[in-house]
C-alpha atoms as a PDB file:
ATOM      1  CA  MET A   1      10.167   5.592 -16.913  1.00  0.00           C
ATOM      2  CA  PRO A   2      10.210   9.154 -15.559  1.00  0.00           C
ATOM      3  CA  ALA A   3      13.471  11.079 -15.740  1.00  0.00           C
ATOM      4  CA  ASP A   4      13.513  11.452 -11.947  1.00  0.00           C
ATOM      5  CA  ARG A   5      15.337   8.337 -10.732  1.00  0.00           C
ATOM      6  CA  SER A   6      13.710   8.640  -7.297  1.00  0.00           C
ATOM      7  CA  VAL A   7      10.568   7.271  -8.954  1.00  0.00           C
ATOM      8  CA  ARG A   8      11.083   3.571  -9.717  1.00  0.00           C
ATOM      9  CA  PRO A   9       7.903   1.935 -11.019  1.00  0.00           C
ATOM     10  CA  THR A  10       7.466  -1.749 -10.251  1.00  0.00           C
ATOM     11  CA  ALA A  11       8.509  -3.733 -13.319  1.00  0.00           C
ATOM     12  CA  GLU A  12       5.535  -4.818 -15.405  1.00  0.00           C
ATOM     13  CA  ARG A  13       6.402  -8.502 -15.235  1.00  0.00           C
ATOM     14  CA  VAL A  14       6.779  -8.341 -11.440  1.00  0.00           C
ATOM     15  CA  ARG A  15       3.409  -6.610 -11.195  1.00  0.00           C
ATOM     16  CA  GLU A  16       1.798  -9.193 -13.460  1.00  0.00           C
ATOM     17  CA  ALA A  17       3.211 -12.112 -11.484  1.00  0.00           C
ATOM     18  CA  ALA A  18       2.219 -10.587  -8.162  1.00  0.00           C
ATOM     19  CA  PHE A  19      -1.361  -9.929  -9.186  1.00  0.00           C
ATOM     20  CA  ASN A  20      -1.664 -13.430 -10.564  1.00  0.00           C
ATOM     21  CA  ARG A  21      -0.682 -14.629  -7.079  1.00  0.00           C
ATOM     22  CA  LEU A  22      -3.174 -12.291  -5.421  1.00  0.00           C
ATOM     23  CA  LEU A  23      -5.962 -13.510  -7.697  1.00  0.00           C
ATOM     24  CA  HIS A  24      -5.261 -17.232  -7.848  1.00  0.00           C
ATOM     25  CA  ALA A  25      -3.333 -18.290  -4.709  1.00  0.00           C
ATOM     26  CA  GLY A  26      -6.395 -18.289  -2.451  1.00  0.00           C
ATOM     27  CA  PHE A  27      -5.175 -15.465  -0.223  1.00  0.00           C
ATOM     28  CA  ASP A  28      -7.578 -13.912   2.255  1.00  0.00           C
ATOM     29  CA  PRO A  29      -8.768 -11.222   1.905  1.00  0.00           C
ATOM     30  CA  PRO A  30      -9.300 -11.666  -1.841  1.00  0.00           C
ATOM     31  CA  LEU A  31      -8.413  -8.866  -4.227  1.00  0.00           C
ATOM     32  CA  GLU A  32     -11.929  -8.790  -5.651  1.00  0.00           C
ATOM     33  CA  GLY A  33     -13.848  -6.108  -3.768  1.00  0.00           C
ATOM     34  CA  ALA A  34     -10.893  -5.179  -1.528  1.00  0.00           C
ATOM     35  CA  ALA A  35      -9.709  -1.788  -0.367  1.00  0.00           C
ATOM     36  CA  PHE A  36      -6.136  -1.589  -1.719  1.00  0.00           C
ATOM     37  CA  LEU A  37      -3.376   0.711  -0.446  1.00  0.00           C
ATOM     38  CA  ASP A  38      -0.376   1.537  -2.667  1.00  0.00           C
ATOM     39  CA  VAL A  39       2.401   2.784  -0.346  1.00  0.00           C
ATOM     40  CA  PHE A  40       5.400   4.688  -1.751  1.00  0.00           C
ATOM     41  CA  ALA A  41       3.076   4.841  -4.728  1.00  0.00           C
ATOM     42  CA  GLY A  42       5.322   6.627  -7.233  1.00  0.00           C
ATOM     43  CA  THR A  43       3.445   6.571 -10.547  1.00  0.00           C
ATOM     44  CA  GLY A  44       0.482   4.720  -8.999  1.00  0.00           C
ATOM     45  CA  ALA A  45       0.805   1.795 -11.402  1.00  0.00           C
ATOM     46  CA  VAL A  46       0.295  -0.844  -8.698  1.00  0.00           C
ATOM     47  CA  GLY A  47      -2.857   0.688  -7.220  1.00  0.00           C
ATOM     48  CA  LEU A  48      -4.322   1.278 -10.670  1.00  0.00           C
ATOM     49  CA  GLU A  49      -3.572  -2.339 -11.569  1.00  0.00           C
ATOM     50  CA  ALA A  50      -5.423  -3.426  -8.420  1.00  0.00           C
ATOM     51  CA  LEU A  51      -8.491  -1.465  -9.506  1.00  0.00           C
ATOM     52  CA  SER A  52      -8.328  -2.998 -12.974  1.00  0.00           C
ATOM     53  CA  ARG A  53      -8.199  -6.462 -11.361  1.00  0.00           C
ATOM     54  CA  GLY A  54     -11.308  -5.961  -9.219  1.00  0.00           C
ATOM     55  CA  ALA A  55     -10.367  -3.960  -6.109  1.00  0.00           C
ATOM     56  CA  ALA A  56     -13.279  -1.802  -4.948  1.00  0.00           C
ATOM     57  CA  ARG A  57     -11.183   1.224  -4.062  1.00  0.00           C
ATOM     58  CA  ALA A  58      -7.558   2.286  -3.954  1.00  0.00           C
ATOM     59  CA  GLY A  59      -5.517   4.679  -1.853  1.00  0.00           C
ATOM     60  CA  PHE A  60      -2.055   5.989  -2.730  1.00  0.00           C
ATOM     61  CA  ILE A  61       0.531   7.240  -0.205  1.00  0.00           C
ATOM     62  CA  GLU A  62       3.345   9.375  -1.615  1.00  0.00           C
ATOM     63  CA  ARG A  63       5.189  12.517  -0.461  1.00  0.00           C
ATOM     64  CA  ASP A  64       7.851  13.200  -3.112  1.00  0.00           C
ATOM     65  CA  PRO A  65       6.762  16.300  -5.063  1.00  0.00           C
ATOM     66  CA  ALA A  66       7.903  14.999  -8.448  1.00  0.00           C
ATOM     67  CA  ALA A  67       6.226  11.655  -7.851  1.00  0.00           C
ATOM     68  CA  LEU A  68       3.039  13.367  -6.644  1.00  0.00           C
ATOM     69  CA  ALA A  69       2.785  15.328  -9.883  1.00  0.00           C
ATOM     70  CA  LEU A  70       2.996  12.097 -11.869  1.00  0.00           C
ATOM     71  CA  LEU A  71       0.648  10.321  -9.491  1.00  0.00           C
ATOM     72  CA  ARG A  72      -2.072  12.955  -9.699  1.00  0.00           C
ATOM     73  CA  GLY A  73      -1.905  12.900 -13.485  1.00  0.00           C
ATOM     74  CA  ASN A  74      -2.069   9.102 -13.640  1.00  0.00           C
ATOM     75  CA  VAL A  75      -4.702   8.469 -10.982  1.00  0.00           C
ATOM     76  CA  GLY A  76      -7.083  11.184 -12.093  1.00  0.00           C
ATOM     77  CA  GLY A  77     -10.502  10.159 -10.803  1.00  0.00           C
ATOM     78  CA  GLU A  78      -9.578   6.598  -9.901  1.00  0.00           C
ATOM     79  CA  GLY A  79      -8.638   6.774  -6.226  1.00  0.00           C
ATOM     80  CA  THR A  80      -7.570   8.694  -3.136  1.00  0.00           C
ATOM     81  CA  ILE A  81      -4.126  10.292  -2.940  1.00  0.00           C
ATOM     82  CA  HIS A  82      -2.636  10.819   0.516  1.00  0.00           C
ATOM     83  CA  ALA A  83       0.279  13.271   0.316  1.00  0.00           C
ATOM     84  CA  ARG A  84       2.009  11.993   3.432  1.00  0.00           C
ATOM     85  CA  ASP A  85       5.204  10.424   4.687  1.00  0.00           C
ATOM     86  CA  ALA A  86       4.570   6.671   4.522  1.00  0.00           C
ATOM     87  CA  ALA A  87       6.700   6.059   7.620  1.00  0.00           C
ATOM     88  CA  ALA A  88       4.730   8.665   9.600  1.00  0.00           C
ATOM     89  CA  PRO A  89       1.332   8.750   7.893  1.00  0.00           C
ATOM     90  CA  GLY A  90      -0.812  10.044  10.737  1.00  0.00           C
ATOM     91  CA  PRO A  91      -4.254   8.635  11.597  1.00  0.00           C
ATOM     92  CA  ALA A  92      -5.992   6.805   8.777  1.00  0.00           C
ATOM     93  CA  PRO A  93      -9.300   8.035   7.345  1.00  0.00           C
ATOM     94  CA  ALA A  94     -10.178   4.371   6.692  1.00  0.00           C
ATOM     95  CA  ALA A  95      -8.512   0.952   6.928  1.00  0.00           C
ATOM     96  CA  TYR A  96      -7.386  -1.139   3.979  1.00  0.00           C
ATOM     97  CA  ASP A  97      -7.594  -4.864   3.284  1.00  0.00           C
ATOM     98  CA  ILE A  98      -4.479  -5.217   1.106  1.00  0.00           C
ATOM     99  CA  ALA A  99      -1.369  -3.027   1.052  1.00  0.00           C
ATOM    100  CA  TRP A 100       1.602  -2.952  -1.305  1.00  0.00           C
ATOM    101  CA  LEU A 101       4.806  -1.447   0.123  1.00  0.00           C
ATOM    102  CA  ASP A 102       7.569  -0.537  -2.307  1.00  0.00           C
ATOM    103  CA  PRO A 103      10.009   1.595  -0.296  1.00  0.00           C
ATOM    104  CA  PRO A 104      13.274   2.745  -1.860  1.00  0.00           C
ATOM    105  CA  TRP A 105      15.507  -0.292  -2.050  1.00  0.00           C
ATOM    106  CA  ARG A 106      18.067  -0.707   0.755  1.00  0.00           C
ATOM    107  CA  SER A 107      16.425   2.133   2.696  1.00  0.00           C
ATOM    108  CA  GLY A 108      15.408   0.046   5.722  1.00  0.00           C
ATOM    109  CA  LEU A 109      11.942   1.639   5.591  1.00  0.00           C
ATOM    110  CA  ALA A 110       9.796  -1.473   5.173  1.00  0.00           C
ATOM    111  CA  ALA A 111       9.590  -2.467   8.858  1.00  0.00           C
ATOM    112  CA  PRO A 112       9.031   1.027  10.348  1.00  0.00           C
ATOM    113  CA  THR A 113       6.487   1.843   7.644  1.00  0.00           C
ATOM    114  CA  LEU A 114       4.542  -1.346   8.270  1.00  0.00           C
ATOM    115  CA  ALA A 115       4.557  -0.617  12.006  1.00  0.00           C
ATOM    116  CA  ALA A 116       3.382   2.959  11.453  1.00  0.00           C
ATOM    117  CA  LEU A 117       0.570   1.914   9.120  1.00  0.00           C
ATOM    118  CA  GLY A 118      -0.661  -0.580  11.685  1.00  0.00           C
ATOM    119  CA  ARG A 119      -0.316   1.800  14.598  1.00  0.00           C
ATOM    120  CA  GLU A 120      -2.256   4.543  12.816  1.00  0.00           C
ATOM    121  CA  GLY A 121      -5.081   2.305  11.631  1.00  0.00           C
ATOM    122  CA  TRP A 122      -4.330   2.093   7.903  1.00  0.00           C
ATOM    123  CA  LEU A 123      -4.416  -1.747   7.935  1.00  0.00           C
ATOM    124  CA  ARG A 124      -7.274  -3.815   9.238  1.00  0.00           C
ATOM    125  CA  PRO A 125      -6.392  -6.851  11.407  1.00  0.00           C
ATOM    126  CA  GLY A 126      -5.676  -9.755   9.087  1.00  0.00           C
ATOM    127  CA  ALA A 127      -4.765  -7.489   6.174  1.00  0.00           C
ATOM    128  CA  LEU A 128      -2.592  -8.912   3.415  1.00  0.00           C
ATOM    129  CA  VAL A 129       0.654  -6.982   2.826  1.00  0.00           C
ATOM    130  CA  VAL A 130       2.991  -7.311  -0.154  1.00  0.00           C
ATOM    131  CA  VAL A 131       6.494  -5.893   0.315  1.00  0.00           C
ATOM    132  CA  GLU A 132       8.739  -5.343  -2.699  1.00  0.00           C
ATOM    133  CA  SER A 133      12.496  -5.187  -2.190  1.00  0.00           C
ATOM    134  CA  ALA A 134      15.824  -6.006  -3.781  1.00  0.00           C
ATOM    135  CA  HIS A 135      16.156  -9.796  -3.776  1.00  0.00           C
ATOM    136  CA  ASP A 136      19.440  -9.632  -1.854  1.00  0.00           C
ATOM    137  CA  ASP A 137      18.120  -7.212   0.767  1.00  0.00           C
ATOM    138  CA  ALA A 138      14.703  -8.651   1.625  1.00  0.00           C
ATOM    139  CA  PRO A 139      13.525  -7.423   5.048  1.00  0.00           C
ATOM    140  CA  ASP A 140      12.818  -9.918   7.816  1.00  0.00           C
ATOM    141  CA  LEU A 141       9.175  -9.198   8.651  1.00  0.00           C
ATOM    142  CA  PRO A 142       6.679 -11.162  10.761  1.00  0.00           C
ATOM    143  CA  GLY A 143       3.675 -12.960   9.332  1.00  0.00           C
ATOM    144  CA  LEU A 144       5.390 -14.261   6.190  1.00  0.00           C
ATOM    145  CA  ILE A 145       3.086 -16.360   3.993  1.00  0.00           C
ATOM    146  CA  ASP A 146       5.109 -16.588   0.805  1.00  0.00           C
ATOM    147  CA  ARG A 147       8.235 -15.129  -0.795  1.00  0.00           C
ATOM    148  CA  ARG A 148       8.985 -14.916  -4.505  1.00  0.00           C
ATOM    149  CA  ARG A 149      11.944 -13.701  -6.539  1.00  0.00           C
ATOM    150  CA  TYR A 150      11.608 -12.028  -9.932  1.00  0.00           C
ATOM    151  CA  GLY A 151      15.017 -11.096 -11.316  1.00  0.00           C
ATOM    152  CA  ARG A 152      16.454  -8.325  -9.111  1.00  0.00           C
ATOM    153  CA  ALA A 153      13.214  -7.953  -7.180  1.00  0.00           C
ATOM    154  CA  ALA A 154      11.700  -9.999  -4.365  1.00  0.00           C
ATOM    155  CA  LEU A 155       8.125  -9.974  -3.097  1.00  0.00           C
ATOM    156  CA  ALA A 156       7.129 -11.003   0.417  1.00  0.00           C
ATOM    157  CA  PHE A 157       3.460 -11.763   1.093  1.00  0.00           C
ATOM    158  CA  LEU A 158       2.598 -11.152   4.752  1.00  0.00           C
ATOM    159  CA  ARG A 159      -0.393 -11.534   7.048  1.00  0.00           C
ATOM    160  CA  PHE A 160      -0.712  -8.422   9.205  1.00  0.00           C
ATOM    161  CA  SER A 161      -2.361  -9.273  12.508  1.00  0.00           C
ATOM    162  CA  ALA A 162      -0.817  -7.868  15.683  1.00  0.00           C
ATOM    163  CA  LEU A 163      -1.081  -4.083  15.698  1.00  0.00           C
ATOM    164  CA  PRO A 164       1.842  -2.331  17.408  1.00  0.00           C
ATOM    165  CA  PRO A 165       0.921  -0.108  20.395  1.00  0.00           C
ATOM    166  CA  ASN A 166       0.367   3.581  19.814  1.00  0.00           C
ATOM    167  CA  ARG A 167       2.126   6.359  21.714  1.00  0.00           C
ATOM    168  CA  GLU A 168      -0.070   5.846  24.779  1.00  0.00           C
ATOM    169  CA  GLY A 169       0.846   2.172  24.849  1.00  0.00           C
ATOM    170  CA  ARG A 170      -2.619   0.959  23.819  1.00  0.00           C
ATOM    171  CA  GLU A 171      -3.357  -1.154  20.801  1.00  0.00           C
ATOM    172  CA  ARG A 172      -5.394   0.490  18.104  1.00  0.00           C
ATOM    173  CA  GLY A 173      -8.452  -1.402  16.962  1.00  0.00           C
ATOM    174  CA  GLY A 174      -8.912  -2.590  13.409  1.00  0.00           C
ATOM    175  CA  GLY A 175     -10.563  -0.317  10.894  1.00  0.00           C
ATOM    176  CA  VAL A 176     -13.666  -0.712   8.825  1.00  0.00           C
ATOM    177  CA  HIS A 177     -13.488  -3.367   6.140  1.00  0.00           C
ATOM    178  CA  GLY A 178     -13.045  -1.573   2.846  1.00  0.00           C
ATOM    179  CA  GLY A 179     -15.679  -1.649   0.175  1.00  0.00           C
ATOM    180  CA  GLY A 180     -18.180   0.402  -1.716  1.00  0.00           C
ATOM    181  CA  ALA A 181     -17.890   2.698  -4.672  1.00  0.00           C
ATOM    182  CA  CYS A 182     -14.709   4.569  -5.500  1.00  0.00           C
ATOM    183  CA  ALA A 183     -14.833   8.316  -4.894  1.00  0.00           C
ATOM    184  CA  VAL A 184     -12.042  10.792  -5.589  1.00  0.00           C
ATOM    185  CA  ARG A 185     -10.250  12.645  -2.806  1.00  0.00           C
ATOM    186  CA  ASP A 186      -6.770  14.124  -2.508  1.00  0.00           C
ATOM    187  CA  THR A 187      -5.961  14.605   1.169  1.00  0.00           C
ATOM    188  CA  GLY A 188      -3.207  17.115   0.430  1.00  0.00           C
ATOM    189  CA  ASP A 189      -0.219  17.770   2.651  1.00  0.00           C
ATOM    190  CA  GLY A 190      -1.163  15.633   5.586  1.00  0.00           C
ATOM    191  CA  VAL A 191      -4.711  16.973   5.866  1.00  0.00           C
ATOM    192  CA  GLN A 192      -6.967  14.206   7.094  1.00  0.00           C
ATOM    193  CA  ASP A 193     -10.013  13.444   4.988  1.00  0.00           C
ATOM    194  CA  ARG A 194     -12.623  11.914   7.270  1.00  0.00           C
ATOM    195  CA  GLY A 195     -15.496  12.382   4.868  1.00  0.00           C
ATOM    196  CA  GLY A 196     -16.520   9.410   2.730  1.00  0.00           C
ATOM    197  CA  ARG A 197     -15.385   5.964   3.763  1.00  0.00           C
ATOM    198  CA  GLY A 198     -15.745   4.425   0.317  1.00  0.00           C
ATOM    199  CA  ARG A 199     -13.224   5.722  -2.219  1.00  0.00           C
END
């Protein structure tokens, strides 16, 4: 555990249980071959676990400077780091099939972050979203498929379908289905990387 208490890695047993669900519960899209987005990534443990379990590529959204230093050291050449505010991420360079949101507990950020990710094209229509929260402060989000409690933590598994309207009042279309080889890019302080689609 890093000394900075703003970085709170998902407990190993919660991560293990969640990935067992993702692999064996018959969710669509499946983890195997998916584009996986780790939001409020912290140390990057969740996204790296996804890669080790068969995801084709992984993206990591984080803006805290201390967390970013850890994240860059941990991810190395294994994925794409987006140094952005998760609740205001800007347009997506590519869409993801599965997203894991672990906002600071009791922050109220889960719903606005999910809306922003959809509005800006980070999630493809039908994407699977896992939201981690304190068990006694689980957000009420649409599209609930399953909810699980693991000690102090709760996980909600959601189907993301209806994309909220953007600023002009139009709905954004779904992005490209993720896949392909993993390439390394760090998009820096909000700079959009529209180069390679496969990461």
